[in-house]
């Protein structure tokens, strides 16, 4: 459904270190810059990127916004979560764990990146790949 996600940051180096660690825990290669200085991480089916805002204003996170990343297992979600915290992120919401909801049981692990963007590692057993 999604081709890509791009979030803003005021500190490309700090955010790059965070995402290199978090995505490295998922087996992705380190991010690479394009000619405009944006940093990209490629995955099957799409990409994720960080950038300084093109309008020159400060980047800020979306209050109420969450970016979800599909995880293959609770263990992968925990590894991603731990790597993100070790690289300057912060745990948010409830601790990683199983939740019941409209989609059935799912394992969720929430983080805020160094710029304040809220991220969620999501493992839904019946949709796991």
N, C-alpha and C. Protein backbone atom coordinates (compact mmCIF):
# COMPACT_ATOMS: atom_id res chain seq x y z
N UNK A 1 0.81 -1.19 0.00
CA UNK A 1 0.00 0.00 0.00
C UNK A 1 0.86 1.26 0.00
N UNK A 2 1.99 1.25 0.70
CA UNK A 2 2.82 2.44 0.78
C UNK A 2 4.08 2.27 -0.07
N UNK A 3 4.48 3.36 -0.73
CA UNK A 3 5.71 3.31 -1.51
C UNK A 3 6.89 3.75 -0.67
N UNK A 4 6.65 4.73 0.22
CA UNK A 4 7.73 5.25 1.04
C UNK A 4 7.18 6.09 2.18
N UNK A 5 8.07 6.35 3.13
CA UNK A 5 7.80 7.29 4.22
C UNK A 5 9.04 8.16 4.34
N UNK A 6 8.83 9.47 4.49
CA UNK A 6 9.93 10.40 4.72
C UNK A 6 9.55 11.26 5.92
N UNK A 7 10.49 11.41 6.86
CA UNK A 7 10.25 12.26 8.01
C UNK A 7 11.33 13.33 8.08
N UNK A 8 10.97 14.43 8.71
CA UNK A 8 11.91 15.53 8.85
C UNK A 8 12.76 15.39 10.10
N UNK A 9 13.93 15.98 10.04
CA UNK A 9 14.84 16.04 11.17
C UNK A 9 15.63 17.33 11.11
N UNK A 10 16.03 17.82 12.26
CA UNK A 10 16.91 18.98 12.31
C UNK A 10 18.37 18.57 12.43
N UNK A 11 18.62 17.29 12.69
CA UNK A 11 19.98 16.77 12.86
C UNK A 11 20.11 15.48 12.05
N UNK A 12 20.53 15.60 10.81
CA UNK A 12 20.64 14.44 9.92
C UNK A 12 21.59 13.39 10.48
N UNK A 13 22.72 13.80 11.05
CA UNK A 13 23.70 12.82 11.54
C UNK A 13 23.15 12.01 12.71
N UNK A 14 22.49 12.67 13.67
CA UNK A 14 21.93 11.95 14.81
C UNK A 14 20.82 10.99 14.35
N UNK A 15 19.95 11.48 13.47
CA UNK A 15 18.87 10.63 12.98
C UNK A 15 19.39 9.49 12.13
N UNK A 16 20.41 9.76 11.33
CA UNK A 16 21.01 8.69 10.52
C UNK A 16 21.59 7.59 11.40
N UNK A 17 22.28 7.96 12.46
CA UNK A 17 22.83 6.96 13.38
C UNK A 17 21.73 6.13 14.01
N UNK A 18 20.65 6.78 14.42
CA UNK A 18 19.50 6.09 15.00
C UNK A 18 18.92 5.08 14.02
N UNK A 19 18.60 5.53 12.80
CA UNK A 19 17.96 4.64 11.83
C UNK A 19 18.91 3.57 11.31
N UNK A 20 20.19 3.87 11.19
CA UNK A 20 21.15 2.81 10.81
C UNK A 20 21.10 1.69 11.85
N UNK A 21 21.06 2.05 13.14
CA UNK A 21 21.01 1.03 14.20
C UNK A 21 19.68 0.29 14.20
N UNK A 22 18.57 1.03 14.17
CA UNK A 22 17.25 0.39 14.23
C UNK A 22 16.99 -0.49 13.01
N UNK A 23 17.31 0.02 11.83
CA UNK A 23 17.09 -0.77 10.61
C UNK A 23 18.15 -1.86 10.45
N UNK A 24 19.34 -1.63 10.98
CA UNK A 24 20.36 -2.68 10.98
C UNK A 24 19.88 -3.91 11.74
N UNK A 25 19.11 -3.68 12.82
CA UNK A 25 18.54 -4.80 13.59
C UNK A 25 17.55 -5.59 12.76
N UNK A 26 17.05 -5.00 11.68
CA UNK A 26 16.12 -5.68 10.77
C UNK A 26 16.83 -6.25 9.55
N UNK A 27 18.14 -6.08 9.48
CA UNK A 27 18.90 -6.62 8.37
C UNK A 27 19.06 -5.69 7.18
N UNK A 28 18.67 -4.41 7.34
CA UNK A 28 18.82 -3.47 6.23
C UNK A 28 20.22 -2.87 6.22
N UNK A 29 20.67 -2.50 5.05
CA UNK A 29 21.96 -1.83 4.88
C UNK A 29 21.87 -0.41 5.42
N UNK A 30 23.02 0.18 5.77
CA UNK A 30 23.01 1.57 6.23
C UNK A 30 22.40 2.50 5.19
N UNK A 31 21.87 3.62 5.67
CA UNK A 31 21.29 4.60 4.78
C UNK A 31 22.33 5.25 3.90
N UNK A 32 21.87 5.76 2.77
CA UNK A 32 22.78 6.44 1.83
C UNK A 32 22.16 7.77 1.41
N UNK A 33 23.01 8.79 1.18
CA UNK A 33 22.49 10.10 0.81
C UNK A 33 22.24 10.22 -0.69
N UNK A 34 21.28 11.11 -1.02
CA UNK A 34 21.11 11.48 -2.43
C UNK A 34 21.78 12.84 -2.65
N UNK A 35 21.64 13.39 -3.84
CA UNK A 35 22.30 14.65 -4.18
C UNK A 35 21.79 15.83 -3.37
N UNK A 36 20.61 15.70 -2.74
CA UNK A 36 20.05 16.78 -1.92
C UNK A 36 20.36 16.62 -0.44
N UNK A 37 21.11 15.56 -0.09
CA UNK A 37 21.48 15.35 1.30
C UNK A 37 20.48 14.54 2.11
N UNK A 38 19.38 14.11 1.49
CA UNK A 38 18.42 13.25 2.18
C UNK A 38 19.05 11.87 2.33
N UNK A 39 18.65 11.12 3.37
CA UNK A 39 19.20 9.79 3.61
C UNK A 39 18.10 8.76 3.39
N UNK A 40 18.44 7.68 2.65
CA UNK A 40 17.46 6.66 2.26
C UNK A 40 17.87 5.27 2.75
N UNK A 41 16.87 4.49 3.17
CA UNK A 41 17.03 3.07 3.49
C UNK A 41 16.05 2.31 2.61
N UNK A 42 16.56 1.31 1.90
CA UNK A 42 15.75 0.55 0.96
C UNK A 42 15.33 -0.77 1.58
N UNK A 43 14.08 -1.16 1.30
CA UNK A 43 13.55 -2.44 1.75
C UNK A 43 12.66 -2.98 0.64
N UNK A 44 12.40 -4.28 0.66
CA UNK A 44 11.48 -4.82 -0.34
C UNK A 44 10.14 -4.09 -0.28
N UNK A 45 9.72 -3.56 -1.38
CA UNK A 45 8.42 -2.91 -1.45
C UNK A 45 8.41 -1.42 -1.14
N UNK A 46 9.54 -0.82 -0.80
CA UNK A 46 9.51 0.60 -0.53
C UNK A 46 10.78 1.10 0.13
N UNK A 47 10.74 2.37 0.54
CA UNK A 47 11.89 2.95 1.20
C UNK A 47 11.45 3.90 2.30
N UNK A 48 12.40 4.20 3.18
CA UNK A 48 12.21 5.16 4.26
C UNK A 48 13.31 6.20 4.11
N UNK A 49 13.00 7.47 4.39
CA UNK A 49 13.99 8.52 4.23
C UNK A 49 13.85 9.58 5.32
N UNK A 50 14.96 10.28 5.56
CA UNK A 50 14.95 11.43 6.44
C UNK A 50 15.49 12.62 5.67
N UNK A 51 15.03 13.82 6.06
CA UNK A 51 15.44 15.03 5.36
C UNK A 51 15.31 16.23 6.28
N UNK A 52 16.09 17.25 6.02
CA UNK A 52 15.81 18.55 6.61
C UNK A 52 14.65 19.12 5.79
N UNK A 53 13.69 19.80 6.41
CA UNK A 53 12.56 20.33 5.65
C UNK A 53 13.01 21.25 4.51
N UNK A 54 12.39 21.06 3.35
CA UNK A 54 12.79 21.84 2.18
C UNK A 54 12.35 23.30 2.27
N UNK A 55 11.40 23.60 3.18
CA UNK A 55 10.96 24.99 3.32
C UNK A 55 11.87 25.79 4.25
N UNK A 56 12.92 25.15 4.80
CA UNK A 56 13.87 25.84 5.64
C UNK A 56 13.44 26.01 7.08
N UNK A 57 12.21 25.63 7.41
CA UNK A 57 11.75 25.72 8.79
C UNK A 57 12.20 24.49 9.57
N UNK A 58 12.07 24.57 10.90
CA UNK A 58 12.44 23.44 11.74
C UNK A 58 11.52 22.26 11.51
N UNK A 59 12.10 21.06 11.58
CA UNK A 59 11.30 19.84 11.52
C UNK A 59 10.62 19.65 12.87
N UNK A 60 9.43 19.07 12.85
CA UNK A 60 8.74 18.70 14.09
C UNK A 60 7.95 17.43 13.81
N UNK A 61 7.67 16.70 14.88
CA UNK A 61 6.93 15.45 14.73
C UNK A 61 5.43 15.72 14.71
N UNK A 62 4.70 14.78 14.16
CA UNK A 62 3.25 14.88 14.10
C UNK A 62 2.65 14.37 15.40
N UNK A 63 1.92 15.22 16.10
CA UNK A 63 1.25 14.80 17.32
C UNK A 63 0.10 13.89 16.93
N UNK A 64 0.14 12.65 17.39
CA UNK A 64 -0.87 11.67 17.02
C UNK A 64 -0.46 10.79 15.85
N UNK A 65 0.61 11.15 15.16
CA UNK A 65 1.08 10.36 14.03
C UNK A 65 1.97 9.22 14.49
N UNK A 66 1.88 8.09 13.80
CA UNK A 66 2.74 6.94 14.07
C UNK A 66 3.12 6.31 12.74
N UNK A 67 4.38 5.90 12.62
CA UNK A 67 4.84 5.17 11.46
C UNK A 67 5.08 3.74 11.91
N UNK A 68 4.39 2.79 11.29
CA UNK A 68 4.50 1.39 11.67
C UNK A 68 5.40 0.62 10.72
N UNK A 69 6.26 -0.23 11.30
CA UNK A 69 7.15 -1.08 10.52
C UNK A 69 6.79 -2.54 10.80
N UNK A 70 6.59 -3.33 9.75
CA UNK A 70 6.23 -4.74 9.90
C UNK A 70 7.42 -5.54 10.42
N UNK A 71 7.15 -6.34 11.43
CA UNK A 71 8.16 -7.20 12.04
C UNK A 71 7.77 -8.66 11.80
N UNK A 72 8.76 -9.52 11.64
CA UNK A 72 8.50 -10.94 11.38
C UNK A 72 8.25 -11.74 12.65
N UNK A 73 8.59 -11.16 13.81
CA UNK A 73 8.41 -11.88 15.08
C UNK A 73 8.49 -10.90 16.25
N UNK A 74 8.01 -11.30 17.42
CA UNK A 74 8.20 -10.46 18.60
C UNK A 74 9.69 -10.24 18.90
N UNK A 75 10.51 -11.24 18.66
CA UNK A 75 11.94 -11.11 18.90
C UNK A 75 12.57 -10.04 18.00
N UNK A 76 12.13 -9.99 16.74
CA UNK A 76 12.65 -8.96 15.84
C UNK A 76 12.20 -7.58 16.32
N UNK A 77 10.95 -7.46 16.76
CA UNK A 77 10.46 -6.19 17.29
C UNK A 77 11.27 -5.75 18.51
N UNK A 78 11.57 -6.69 19.40
CA UNK A 78 12.37 -6.37 20.58
C UNK A 78 13.78 -5.94 20.20
N UNK A 79 14.39 -6.61 19.22
CA UNK A 79 15.73 -6.26 18.76
C UNK A 79 15.75 -4.85 18.16
N UNK A 80 14.75 -4.56 17.34
CA UNK A 80 14.59 -3.24 16.72
C UNK A 80 14.43 -2.17 17.80
N UNK A 81 13.57 -2.43 18.78
CA UNK A 81 13.31 -1.51 19.88
C UNK A 81 14.59 -1.24 20.68
N UNK A 82 15.30 -2.30 21.05
CA UNK A 82 16.54 -2.16 21.82
C UNK A 82 17.60 -1.40 21.04
N UNK A 83 17.74 -1.70 19.75
CA UNK A 83 18.73 -1.00 18.92
C UNK A 83 18.39 0.48 18.82
N UNK A 84 17.11 0.80 18.69
CA UNK A 84 16.69 2.19 18.62
C UNK A 84 16.98 2.96 19.89
N UNK A 85 16.72 2.35 21.04
CA UNK A 85 17.01 3.01 22.32
C UNK A 85 18.52 3.21 22.47
N UNK A 86 19.29 2.20 22.13
CA UNK A 86 20.76 2.31 22.25
C UNK A 86 21.32 3.39 21.34
N UNK A 87 20.60 3.72 20.26
CA UNK A 87 21.08 4.72 19.30
C UNK A 87 20.45 6.10 19.51
N UNK A 88 19.88 6.34 20.69
CA UNK A 88 19.38 7.68 20.99
C UNK A 88 17.88 7.85 20.93
N UNK A 89 17.14 6.79 20.66
CA UNK A 89 15.69 6.86 20.68
C UNK A 89 15.18 6.71 22.10
N UNK A 90 13.86 6.81 22.25
CA UNK A 90 13.24 6.67 23.57
C UNK A 90 12.00 5.80 23.46
N UNK A 91 11.85 4.91 24.41
CA UNK A 91 10.65 4.09 24.45
C UNK A 91 9.46 4.99 24.76
N UNK A 92 8.31 4.68 24.20
CA UNK A 92 7.10 5.43 24.49
C UNK A 92 5.92 4.48 24.47
N UNK A 93 4.76 4.98 24.84
CA UNK A 93 3.57 4.15 24.99
C UNK A 93 3.84 3.09 26.06
N UNK A 94 3.18 1.96 25.97
CA UNK A 94 3.42 0.86 26.90
C UNK A 94 4.70 0.13 26.50
N UNK A 95 5.30 -0.65 27.42
CA UNK A 95 6.48 -1.44 27.03
C UNK A 95 6.12 -2.41 25.90
N UNK A 96 7.12 -2.85 25.13
CA UNK A 96 6.84 -3.82 24.07
C UNK A 96 6.08 -5.02 24.62
N UNK A 97 5.11 -5.48 23.86
CA UNK A 97 4.35 -6.64 24.30
C UNK A 97 3.13 -6.90 23.44
N UNK A 98 2.42 -7.96 23.78
CA UNK A 98 1.22 -8.37 23.06
C UNK A 98 0.04 -7.49 23.43
N UNK A 99 -0.79 -7.15 22.45
CA UNK A 99 -2.02 -6.38 22.66
C UNK A 99 -3.14 -7.08 21.91
N UNK A 100 -4.34 -6.91 22.40
CA UNK A 100 -5.54 -7.39 21.70
C UNK A 100 -6.22 -6.19 21.08
N UNK A 101 -6.69 -6.33 19.85
CA UNK A 101 -7.36 -5.22 19.18
C UNK A 101 -8.23 -5.73 18.06
N UNK A 102 -8.72 -4.81 17.27
CA UNK A 102 -9.60 -5.13 16.16
C UNK A 102 -8.98 -6.03 15.11
N UNK A 103 -7.64 -6.08 15.07
CA UNK A 103 -6.93 -6.93 14.13
C UNK A 103 -6.53 -8.26 14.75
N UNK A 104 -6.98 -8.51 15.99
CA UNK A 104 -6.58 -9.72 16.71
C UNK A 104 -5.31 -9.45 17.49
N UNK A 105 -4.68 -10.52 18.00
CA UNK A 105 -3.47 -10.31 18.79
C UNK A 105 -2.33 -9.78 17.91
N UNK A 106 -1.61 -8.83 18.48
CA UNK A 106 -0.44 -8.29 17.79
C UNK A 106 0.59 -7.87 18.82
N UNK A 107 1.85 -7.92 18.41
CA UNK A 107 2.95 -7.53 19.27
C UNK A 107 3.40 -6.14 18.83
N UNK A 108 3.45 -5.19 19.77
CA UNK A 108 3.80 -3.81 19.45
C UNK A 108 4.99 -3.35 20.27
N UNK A 109 5.88 -2.60 19.63
CA UNK A 109 7.03 -2.00 20.31
C UNK A 109 7.15 -0.56 19.80
N UNK A 110 6.92 0.41 20.69
CA UNK A 110 6.91 1.82 20.31
C UNK A 110 8.21 2.53 20.69
N UNK A 111 8.64 3.43 19.80
CA UNK A 111 9.83 4.26 20.00
C UNK A 111 9.55 5.67 19.50
N UNK A 112 10.28 6.62 20.05
CA UNK A 112 10.40 7.94 19.42
C UNK A 112 11.83 8.06 18.91
N UNK A 113 11.98 8.51 17.66
CA UNK A 113 13.33 8.72 17.13
C UNK A 113 13.91 9.99 17.74
N UNK A 114 15.18 10.30 17.49
CA UNK A 114 15.78 11.49 18.11
C UNK A 114 15.07 12.80 17.75
N UNK A 115 14.35 12.84 16.64
CA UNK A 115 13.62 14.05 16.25
C UNK A 115 12.21 14.09 16.84
N UNK A 116 11.79 13.02 17.56
CA UNK A 116 10.47 12.99 18.18
C UNK A 116 9.40 12.25 17.41
N UNK A 117 9.72 11.73 16.23
CA UNK A 117 8.73 10.98 15.45
C UNK A 117 8.40 9.67 16.16
N UNK A 118 7.11 9.32 16.24
CA UNK A 118 6.69 8.08 16.90
C UNK A 118 6.68 6.94 15.89
N UNK A 119 7.35 5.85 16.27
CA UNK A 119 7.49 4.67 15.43
C UNK A 119 6.93 3.47 16.17
N UNK A 120 6.47 2.48 15.42
CA UNK A 120 5.96 1.26 16.04
C UNK A 120 6.42 0.05 15.24
N UNK A 121 7.06 -0.89 15.92
CA UNK A 121 7.37 -2.18 15.34
C UNK A 121 6.17 -3.08 15.59
N UNK A 122 5.56 -3.60 14.53
CA UNK A 122 4.31 -4.36 14.63
C UNK A 122 4.48 -5.77 14.09
N UNK A 123 4.16 -6.75 14.93
CA UNK A 123 4.12 -8.15 14.48
C UNK A 123 2.68 -8.64 14.61
N UNK A 124 2.05 -8.93 13.48
CA UNK A 124 0.71 -9.51 13.45
C UNK A 124 0.87 -10.92 12.93
N UNK A 125 0.71 -11.94 13.79
CA UNK A 125 1.03 -13.31 13.41
C UNK A 125 0.41 -13.78 12.10
N UNK A 126 -0.85 -13.52 11.87
CA UNK A 126 -1.49 -14.03 10.66
C UNK A 126 -1.03 -13.30 9.39
N UNK A 127 -0.35 -12.15 9.57
CA UNK A 127 0.15 -11.40 8.41
C UNK A 127 1.67 -11.41 8.34
N UNK A 128 2.31 -12.12 9.21
CA UNK A 128 3.78 -12.12 9.23
C UNK A 128 4.33 -12.69 7.93
N UNK A 129 5.45 -12.08 7.50
CA UNK A 129 6.10 -12.57 6.27
C UNK A 129 7.50 -13.02 6.57
